[in-house]
Every structure is written in structure tokens, then in C-alpha cells.
Amino acid sequence: NITVQCGYQTVAEMCDTICGADLCIDATHPYA
């Protein structure tokens, strides 16, 4: 049930990943 995408993303690339999702969780590092 887990699919992993690897690589730095621009905002536009994030939109490609996020759009249509029911929820986005930001669990990145506190300093990022």
C-alpha cells in the first residue's frame, strides 16, 4: 500500500503529485 517517489520537486511538480488527493501530510524535517 506504499508507493515511493524519489527526487526534489518544484511547486509545479508537487502539484502534479498532490492534485486530486484527499489529504497531503507534510512530515519533512523541522528545518526544511
PDB file of all heavy atoms in Angstrom:
ATOM      1  N   ASN A   1       0.805  -1.230   0.000  1.00  0.00           N
ATOM      2  CA  ASN A   1       0.000   0.000   0.000  1.00  0.00           C
ATOM      3  C   ASN A   1       0.836   1.278   0.000  1.00  0.00           C
ATOM      4  O   ASN A   1       0.271   2.371   0.079  1.00  0.00           O
ATOM      5  CB  ASN A   1      -0.973   0.044   1.195  1.00  0.00           C
ATOM      6  CG  ASN A   1      -1.990  -1.077   1.145  1.00  0.00           C
ATOM      7  OD1 ASN A   1      -2.452  -1.461   0.075  1.00  0.00           O
ATOM      8  ND2 ASN A   1      -2.323  -1.622   2.304  1.00  0.00           N
ATOM      9  N   ILE A   2       2.166   1.149  -0.078  1.00  0.00           N
ATOM     10  CA  ILE A   2       3.021   2.335  -0.111  1.00  0.00           C
ATOM     11  C   ILE A   2       3.754   2.414  -1.450  1.00  0.00           C
ATOM     12  O   ILE A   2       4.416   1.464  -1.863  1.00  0.00           O
ATOM     13  CB  ILE A   2       4.047   2.330   1.038  1.00  0.00           C
ATOM     14  CG1 ILE A   2       3.351   2.473   2.390  1.00  0.00           C
ATOM     15  CG2 ILE A   2       5.056   3.473   0.855  1.00  0.00           C
ATOM     16  CD1 ILE A   2       4.290   2.448   3.576  1.00  0.00           C
ATOM     17  N   THR A   3       3.611   3.563  -2.106  1.00  0.00           N
ATOM     18  CA  THR A   3       4.363   3.858  -3.323  1.00  0.00           C
ATOM     19  C   THR A   3       5.325   5.000  -3.008  1.00  0.00           C
ATOM     20  O   THR A   3       4.928   6.004  -2.413  1.00  0.00           O
ATOM     21  CB  THR A   3       3.426   4.287  -4.463  1.00  0.00           C
ATOM     22  OG1 THR A   3       2.498   3.227  -4.730  1.00  0.00           O
ATOM     23  CG2 THR A   3       4.221   4.590  -5.727  1.00  0.00           C
ATOM     24  N   VAL A   4       6.578   4.844  -3.387  1.00  0.00           N
ATOM     25  CA  VAL A   4       7.595   5.849  -3.060  1.00  0.00           C
ATOM     26  C   VAL A   4       8.022   6.598  -4.318  1.00  0.00           C
ATOM     27  O   VAL A   4       8.368   5.980  -5.331  1.00  0.00           O
ATOM     28  CB  VAL A   4       8.820   5.206  -2.393  1.00  0.00           C
ATOM     29  CG1 VAL A   4       9.860   6.280  -2.048  1.00  0.00           C
ATOM     30  CG2 VAL A   4       8.415   4.454  -1.128  1.00  0.00           C
ATOM     31  N   GLN A   5       7.985   7.924  -4.251  1.00  0.00           N
ATOM     32  CA  GLN A   5       8.536   8.778  -5.293  1.00  0.00           C
ATOM     33  C   GLN A   5       9.802   9.432  -4.757  1.00  0.00           C
ATOM     34  O   GLN A   5       9.797   9.929  -3.629  1.00  0.00           O
ATOM     35  CB  GLN A   5       7.528   9.851  -5.718  1.00  0.00           C
ATOM     36  CG  GLN A   5       6.287   9.311  -6.405  1.00  0.00           C
ATOM     37  CD  GLN A   5       5.377  10.430  -6.893  1.00  0.00           C
ATOM     38  OE1 GLN A   5       5.715  11.610  -6.805  1.00  0.00           O
ATOM     39  NE2 GLN A   5       4.218  10.063  -7.404  1.00  0.00           N
ATOM     40  N   CYS A   6      10.854   9.451  -5.552  1.00  0.00           N
ATOM     41  CA  CYS A   6      12.146   9.970  -5.090  1.00  0.00           C
ATOM     42  C   CYS A   6      12.593  11.130  -5.959  1.00  0.00           C
ATOM     43  O   CYS A   6      12.518  11.059  -7.189  1.00  0.00           O
ATOM     44  CB  CYS A   6      13.183   8.847  -5.115  1.00  0.00           C
ATOM     45  SG  CYS A   6      14.806   9.336  -4.500  1.00  0.00           S
ATOM     46  N   GLY A   7      13.054  12.187  -5.319  1.00  0.00           N
ATOM     47  CA  GLY A   7      13.600  13.325  -6.038  1.00  0.00           C
ATOM     48  C   GLY A   7      13.050  14.642  -5.518  1.00  0.00           C
ATOM     49  O   GLY A   7      11.927  14.708  -5.015  1.00  0.00           O
ATOM     50  N   TYR A   8      13.863  15.697  -5.633  1.00  0.00           N
ATOM     51  CA  TYR A   8      13.405  17.025  -5.236  1.00  0.00           C
ATOM     52  C   TYR A   8      12.341  17.498  -6.208  1.00  0.00           C
ATOM     53  O   TYR A   8      12.438  17.272  -7.412  1.00  0.00           O
ATOM     54  CB  TYR A   8      14.581  17.998  -5.214  1.00  0.00           C
ATOM     55  CG  TYR A   8      15.586  17.720  -4.117  1.00  0.00           C
ATOM     56  CD1 TYR A   8      16.714  16.949  -4.364  1.00  0.00           C
ATOM     57  CD2 TYR A   8      15.392  18.225  -2.834  1.00  0.00           C
ATOM     58  CE1 TYR A   8      17.628  16.680  -3.351  1.00  0.00           C
ATOM     59  CE2 TYR A   8      16.296  17.967  -1.823  1.00  0.00           C
ATOM     60  CZ  TYR A   8      17.413  17.190  -2.093  1.00  0.00           C
ATOM     61  OH  TYR A   8      18.310  16.918  -1.081  1.00  0.00           O
ATOM     62  N   GLN A   9      11.312  18.177  -5.697  1.00  0.00           N
ATOM     63  CA  GLN A   9      10.204  18.624  -6.523  1.00  0.00           C
ATOM     64  C   GLN A   9      10.023  20.131  -6.438  1.00  0.00           C
ATOM     65  O   GLN A   9      10.138  20.721  -5.365  1.00  0.00           O
ATOM     66  CB  GLN A   9       8.894  17.945  -6.087  1.00  0.00           C
ATOM     67  CG  GLN A   9       8.857  16.441  -6.285  1.00  0.00           C
ATOM     68  CD  GLN A   9       7.510  15.857  -5.873  1.00  0.00           C
ATOM     69  OE1 GLN A   9       6.594  16.576  -5.474  1.00  0.00           O
ATOM     70  NE2 GLN A   9       7.383  14.542  -5.977  1.00  0.00           N
ATOM     71  N   THR A  10       9.736  20.734  -7.596  1.00  0.00           N
ATOM     72  CA  THR A  10       9.306  22.129  -7.612  1.00  0.00           C
ATOM     73  C   THR A  10       7.850  22.187  -7.177  1.00  0.00           C
ATOM     74  O   THR A  10       7.185  21.156  -7.030  1.00  0.00           O
ATOM     75  CB  THR A  10       9.436  22.704  -9.026  1.00  0.00           C
ATOM     76  OG1 THR A  10       8.544  21.986  -9.897  1.00  0.00           O
ATOM     77  CG2 THR A  10      10.873  22.565  -9.553  1.00  0.00           C
ATOM     78  N   VAL A  11       7.336  23.398  -6.988  1.00  0.00           N
ATOM     79  CA  VAL A  11       5.929  23.540  -6.618  1.00  0.00           C
ATOM     80  C   VAL A  11       5.038  22.950  -7.708  1.00  0.00           C
ATOM     81  O   VAL A  11       4.044  22.267  -7.423  1.00  0.00           O
ATOM     82  CB  VAL A  11       5.568  25.022  -6.374  1.00  0.00           C
ATOM     83  CG1 VAL A  11       4.063  25.180  -6.158  1.00  0.00           C
ATOM     84  CG2 VAL A  11       6.334  25.562  -5.172  1.00  0.00           C
ATOM     85  N   ALA A  12       5.402  23.182  -8.964  1.00  0.00           N
ATOM     86  CA  ALA A  12       4.609  22.635 -10.073  1.00  0.00           C
ATOM     87  C   ALA A  12       4.615  21.113 -10.043  1.00  0.00           C
ATOM     88  O   ALA A  12       3.577  20.472 -10.277  1.00  0.00           O
ATOM     89  CB  ALA A  12       5.148  23.150 -11.399  1.00  0.00           C
ATOM     90  N   GLU A  13       5.760  20.530  -9.757  1.00  0.00           N
ATOM     91  CA  GLU A  13       5.847  19.066  -9.685  1.00  0.00           C
ATOM     92  C   GLU A  13       5.080  18.541  -8.477  1.00  0.00           C
ATOM     93  O   GLU A  13       4.489  17.457  -8.538  1.00  0.00           O
ATOM     94  CB  GLU A  13       7.312  18.641  -9.640  1.00  0.00           C
ATOM     95  CG  GLU A  13       8.033  18.877 -10.958  1.00  0.00           C
ATOM     96  CD  GLU A  13       9.542  18.732 -10.844  1.00  0.00           C
ATOM     97  OE1 GLU A  13      10.090  18.901  -9.731  1.00  0.00           O
ATOM     98  OE2 GLU A  13      10.183  18.466 -11.875  1.00  0.00           O
ATOM     99  N   MET A  14       5.109  19.293  -7.382  1.00  0.00           N
ATOM    100  CA  MET A  14       4.310  18.910  -6.222  1.00  0.00           C
ATOM    101  C   MET A  14       2.827  18.911  -6.571  1.00  0.00           C
ATOM    102  O   MET A  14       2.070  18.019  -6.164  1.00  0.00           O
ATOM    103  CB  MET A  14       4.583  19.846  -5.047  1.00  0.00           C
ATOM    104  CG  MET A  14       5.939  19.663  -4.396  1.00  0.00           C
ATOM    105  SD  MET A  14       6.213  20.871  -3.071  1.00  0.00           S
ATOM    106  CE  MET A  14       7.793  20.298  -2.430  1.00  0.00           C
ATOM    107  N   CYS A  15       2.400  19.906  -7.343  1.00  0.00           N
ATOM    108  CA  CYS A  15       1.002  19.969  -7.754  1.00  0.00           C
ATOM    109  C   CYS A  15       0.618  18.736  -8.565  1.00  0.00           C
ATOM    110  O   CYS A  15      -0.484  18.196  -8.398  1.00  0.00           O
ATOM    111  CB  CYS A  15       0.737  21.231  -8.568  1.00  0.00           C
ATOM    112  SG  CYS A  15       0.684  22.755  -7.588  1.00  0.00           S
ATOM    113  N   ASP A  16       1.518  18.290  -9.441  1.00  0.00           N
ATOM    114  CA  ASP A  16       1.245  17.085 -10.225  1.00  0.00           C
ATOM    115  C   ASP A  16       1.017  15.879  -9.320  1.00  0.00           C
ATOM    116  O   ASP A  16       0.198  15.003  -9.619  1.00  0.00           O
ATOM    117  CB  ASP A  16       2.409  16.792 -11.180  1.00  0.00           C
ATOM    118  CG  ASP A  16       2.514  17.811 -12.307  1.00  0.00           C
ATOM    119  OD1 ASP A  16       1.489  18.480 -12.588  1.00  0.00           O
ATOM    120  OD2 ASP A  16       3.603  17.933 -12.897  1.00  0.00           O
ATOM    121  N   THR A  17       1.751  15.838  -8.210  1.00  0.00           N
ATOM    122  CA  THR A  17       1.631  14.720  -7.271  1.00  0.00           C
ATOM    123  C   THR A  17       0.413  14.860  -6.369  1.00  0.00           C
ATOM    124  O   THR A  17      -0.294  13.885  -6.096  1.00  0.00           O
ATOM    125  CB  THR A  17       2.900  14.623  -6.397  1.00  0.00           C
ATOM    126  OG1 THR A  17       4.045  14.433  -7.241  1.00  0.00           O
ATOM    127  CG2 THR A  17       2.811  13.462  -5.416  1.00  0.00           C
ATOM    128  N   ILE A  18       0.155  16.088  -5.916  1.00  0.00           N
ATOM    129  CA  ILE A  18      -0.855  16.320  -4.886  1.00  0.00           C
ATOM    130  C   ILE A  18      -2.267  16.441  -5.439  1.00  0.00           C
ATOM    131  O   ILE A  18      -3.228  15.982  -4.809  1.00  0.00           O
ATOM    132  CB  ILE A  18      -0.492  17.597  -4.082  1.00  0.00           C
ATOM    133  CG1 ILE A  18       0.787  17.368  -3.279  1.00  0.00           C
ATOM    134  CG2 ILE A  18      -1.638  18.006  -3.159  1.00  0.00           C
ATOM    135  CD1 ILE A  18       1.335  18.640  -2.645  1.00  0.00           C
ATOM    136  N   CYS A  19      -2.426  17.074  -6.598  1.00  0.00           N
ATOM    137  CA  CYS A  19      -3.764  17.360  -7.110  1.00  0.00           C
ATOM    138  C   CYS A  19      -4.607  16.089  -7.212  1.00  0.00           C
ATOM    139  O   CYS A  19      -4.158  15.072  -7.733  1.00  0.00           O
ATOM    140  CB  CYS A  19      -3.681  18.054  -8.464  1.00  0.00           C
ATOM    141  SG  CYS A  19      -3.242  19.797  -8.325  1.00  0.00           S
ATOM    142  N   GLY A  20      -5.801  16.164  -6.683  1.00  0.00           N
ATOM    143  CA  GLY A  20      -6.696  15.019  -6.676  1.00  0.00           C
ATOM    144  C   GLY A  20      -6.614  14.184  -5.418  1.00  0.00           C
ATOM    145  O   GLY A  20      -7.416  13.269  -5.217  1.00  0.00           O
ATOM    146  N   ALA A  21      -5.644  14.504  -4.546  1.00  0.00           N
ATOM    147  CA  ALA A  21      -5.504  13.747  -3.296  1.00  0.00           C
ATOM    148  C   ALA A  21      -6.561  14.183  -2.291  1.00  0.00           C
ATOM    149  O   ALA A  21      -7.099  15.293  -2.363  1.00  0.00           O
ATOM    150  CB  ALA A  21      -4.112  13.952  -2.708  1.00  0.00           C
ATOM    151  N   ASP A  22      -6.841  13.296  -1.355  1.00  0.00           N
ATOM    152  CA  ASP A  22      -7.782  13.617  -0.285  1.00  0.00           C
ATOM    153  C   ASP A  22      -7.095  14.326   0.871  1.00  0.00           C
ATOM    154  O   ASP A  22      -7.735  15.028   1.658  1.00  0.00           O
ATOM    155  CB  ASP A  22      -8.442  12.331   0.238  1.00  0.00           C
ATOM    156  CG  ASP A  22      -9.307  11.673  -0.811  1.00  0.00           C
ATOM    157  OD1 ASP A  22     -10.483  12.042  -0.931  1.00  0.00           O
ATOM    158  OD2 ASP A  22      -8.788  10.803  -1.532  1.00  0.00           O
ATOM    159  N   LEU A  23      -5.774  14.130   0.972  1.00  0.00           N
ATOM    160  CA  LEU A  23      -5.017  14.737   2.071  1.00  0.00           C
ATOM    161  C   LEU A  23      -3.544  14.734   1.714  1.00  0.00           C
ATOM    162  O   LEU A  23      -3.040  13.789   1.099  1.00  0.00           O
ATOM    163  CB  LEU A  23      -5.231  13.946   3.368  1.00  0.00           C
ATOM    164  CG  LEU A  23      -4.473  14.440   4.608  1.00  0.00           C
ATOM    165  CD1 LEU A  23      -5.000  15.803   5.055  1.00  0.00           C
ATOM    166  CD2 LEU A  23      -4.596  13.424   5.748  1.00  0.00           C
ATOM    167  N   CYS A  24      -2.851  15.800   2.115  1.00  0.00           N
ATOM    168  CA  CYS A  24      -1.392  15.858   1.989  1.00  0.00           C
ATOM    169  C   CYS A  24      -0.797  16.059   3.382  1.00  0.00           C
ATOM    170  O   CYS A  24      -1.203  16.978   4.104  1.00  0.00           O
ATOM    171  CB  CYS A  24      -0.954  16.992   1.067  1.00  0.00           C
ATOM    172  SG  CYS A  24       0.844  17.145   0.909  1.00  0.00           S
ATOM    173  N   ILE A  25       0.129  15.198   3.744  1.00  0.00           N
ATOM    174  CA  ILE A  25       0.785  15.266   5.053  1.00  0.00           C
ATOM    175  C   ILE A  25       2.235  15.701   4.855  1.00  0.00           C
ATOM    176  O   ILE A  25       2.975  15.085   4.080  1.00  0.00           O
ATOM    177  CB  ILE A  25       0.740  13.905   5.765  1.00  0.00           C
ATOM    178  CG1 ILE A  25      -0.706  13.444   5.952  1.00  0.00           C
ATOM    179  CG2 ILE A  25       1.459  13.985   7.116  1.00  0.00           C
ATOM    180  CD1 ILE A  25      -0.831  12.011   6.419  1.00  0.00           C
ATOM    181  N   ASP A  26       2.619  16.741   5.542  1.00  0.00           N
ATOM    182  CA  ASP A  26       3.989  17.259   5.477  1.00  0.00           C
ATOM    183  C   ASP A  26       4.749  16.761   6.703  1.00  0.00           C
ATOM    184  O   ASP A  26       4.584  17.282   7.802  1.00  0.00           O
ATOM    185  CB  ASP A  26       3.959  18.786   5.433  1.00  0.00           C
ATOM    186  CG  ASP A  26       5.339  19.421   5.455  1.00  0.00           C
ATOM    187  OD1 ASP A  26       6.344  18.675   5.410  1.00  0.00           O
ATOM    188  OD2 ASP A  26       5.410  20.664   5.514  1.00  0.00           O
ATOM    189  N   ALA A  27       5.569  15.734   6.491  1.00  0.00           N
ATOM    190  CA  ALA A  27       6.377  15.180   7.579  1.00  0.00           C
ATOM    191  C   ALA A  27       7.858  15.398   7.283  1.00  0.00           C
ATOM    192  O   ALA A  27       8.699  14.569   7.634  1.00  0.00           O
ATOM    193  CB  ALA A  27       6.082  13.691   7.756  1.00  0.00           C
ATOM    194  N   THR A  28       8.170  16.522   6.655  1.00  0.00           N
ATOM    195  CA  THR A  28       9.567  16.834   6.369  1.00  0.00           C
ATOM    196  C   THR A  28      10.254  17.345   7.631  1.00  0.00           C
ATOM    197  O   THR A  28       9.626  17.608   8.651  1.00  0.00           O
ATOM    198  CB  THR A  28       9.670  17.879   5.240  1.00  0.00           C
ATOM    199  OG1 THR A  28       8.953  19.061   5.622  1.00  0.00           O
ATOM    200  CG2 THR A  28       9.093  17.319   3.947  1.00  0.00           C
ATOM    201  N   HIS A  29      11.561  17.522   7.540  1.00  0.00           N
ATOM    202  CA  HIS A  29      12.375  17.894   8.695  1.00  0.00           C
ATOM    203  C   HIS A  29      11.983  19.273   9.220  1.00  0.00           C
ATOM    204  O   HIS A  29      11.605  20.162   8.438  1.00  0.00           O
ATOM    205  CB  HIS A  29      13.858  17.890   8.300  1.00  0.00           C
ATOM    206  CG  HIS A  29      14.781  17.876   9.456  1.00  0.00           C
ATOM    207  ND1 HIS A  29      15.208  19.030  10.083  1.00  0.00           N
ATOM    208  CD2 HIS A  29      15.375  16.847  10.114  1.00  0.00           C
ATOM    209  CE1 HIS A  29      16.021  18.713  11.069  1.00  0.00           C
ATOM    210  NE2 HIS A  29      16.140  17.402  11.120  1.00  0.00           N
ATOM    211  N   PRO A  30      12.053  19.485  10.534  1.00  0.00           N
ATOM    212  CA  PRO A  30      11.675  20.794  11.106  1.00  0.00           C
ATOM    213  C   PRO A  30      12.452  21.971  10.538  1.00  0.00           C
ATOM    214  O   PRO A  30      11.969  23.105  10.595  1.00  0.00           O
ATOM    215  CB  PRO A  30      11.980  20.619  12.604  1.00  0.00           C
ATOM    216  CG  PRO A  30      11.945  19.157  12.841  1.00  0.00           C
ATOM    217  CD  PRO A  30      12.413  18.508  11.580  1.00  0.00           C
ATOM    218  N   TYR A  31      13.656  21.728  10.003  1.00  0.00           N
ATOM    219  CA  TYR A  31      14.472  22.813   9.469  1.00  0.00           C
ATOM    220  C   TYR A  31      14.302  22.992   7.959  1.00  0.00           C
ATOM    221  O   TYR A  31      14.923  23.888   7.382  1.00  0.00           O
ATOM    222  CB  TYR A  31      15.946  22.579   9.796  1.00  0.00           C
ATOM    223  CG  TYR A  31      16.282  22.795  11.262  1.00  0.00           C
ATOM    224  CD1 TYR A  31      16.009  21.822  12.200  1.00  0.00           C
ATOM    225  CD2 TYR A  31      16.869  23.975  11.703  1.00  0.00           C
ATOM    226  CE1 TYR A  31      16.304  22.006  13.549  1.00  0.00           C
ATOM    227  CE2 TYR A  31      17.176  24.180  13.044  1.00  0.00           C
ATOM    228  CZ  TYR A  31      16.889  23.182  13.956  1.00  0.00           C
ATOM    229  OH  TYR A  31      17.188  23.370  15.292  1.00  0.00           O
ATOM    230  N   ALA A  32      13.478  22.170   7.323  1.00  0.00           N
ATOM    231  CA  ALA A  32      13.283  22.244   5.871  1.00  0.00           C
ATOM    232  C   ALA A  32      12.214  23.282   5.544  1.00  0.00           C
ATOM    233  O   ALA A  32      11.142  22.968   5.008  1.00  0.00           O
ATOM    234  CB  ALA A  32      12.911  20.873   5.323  1.00  0.00           C
TER     235      ALA A  32
END
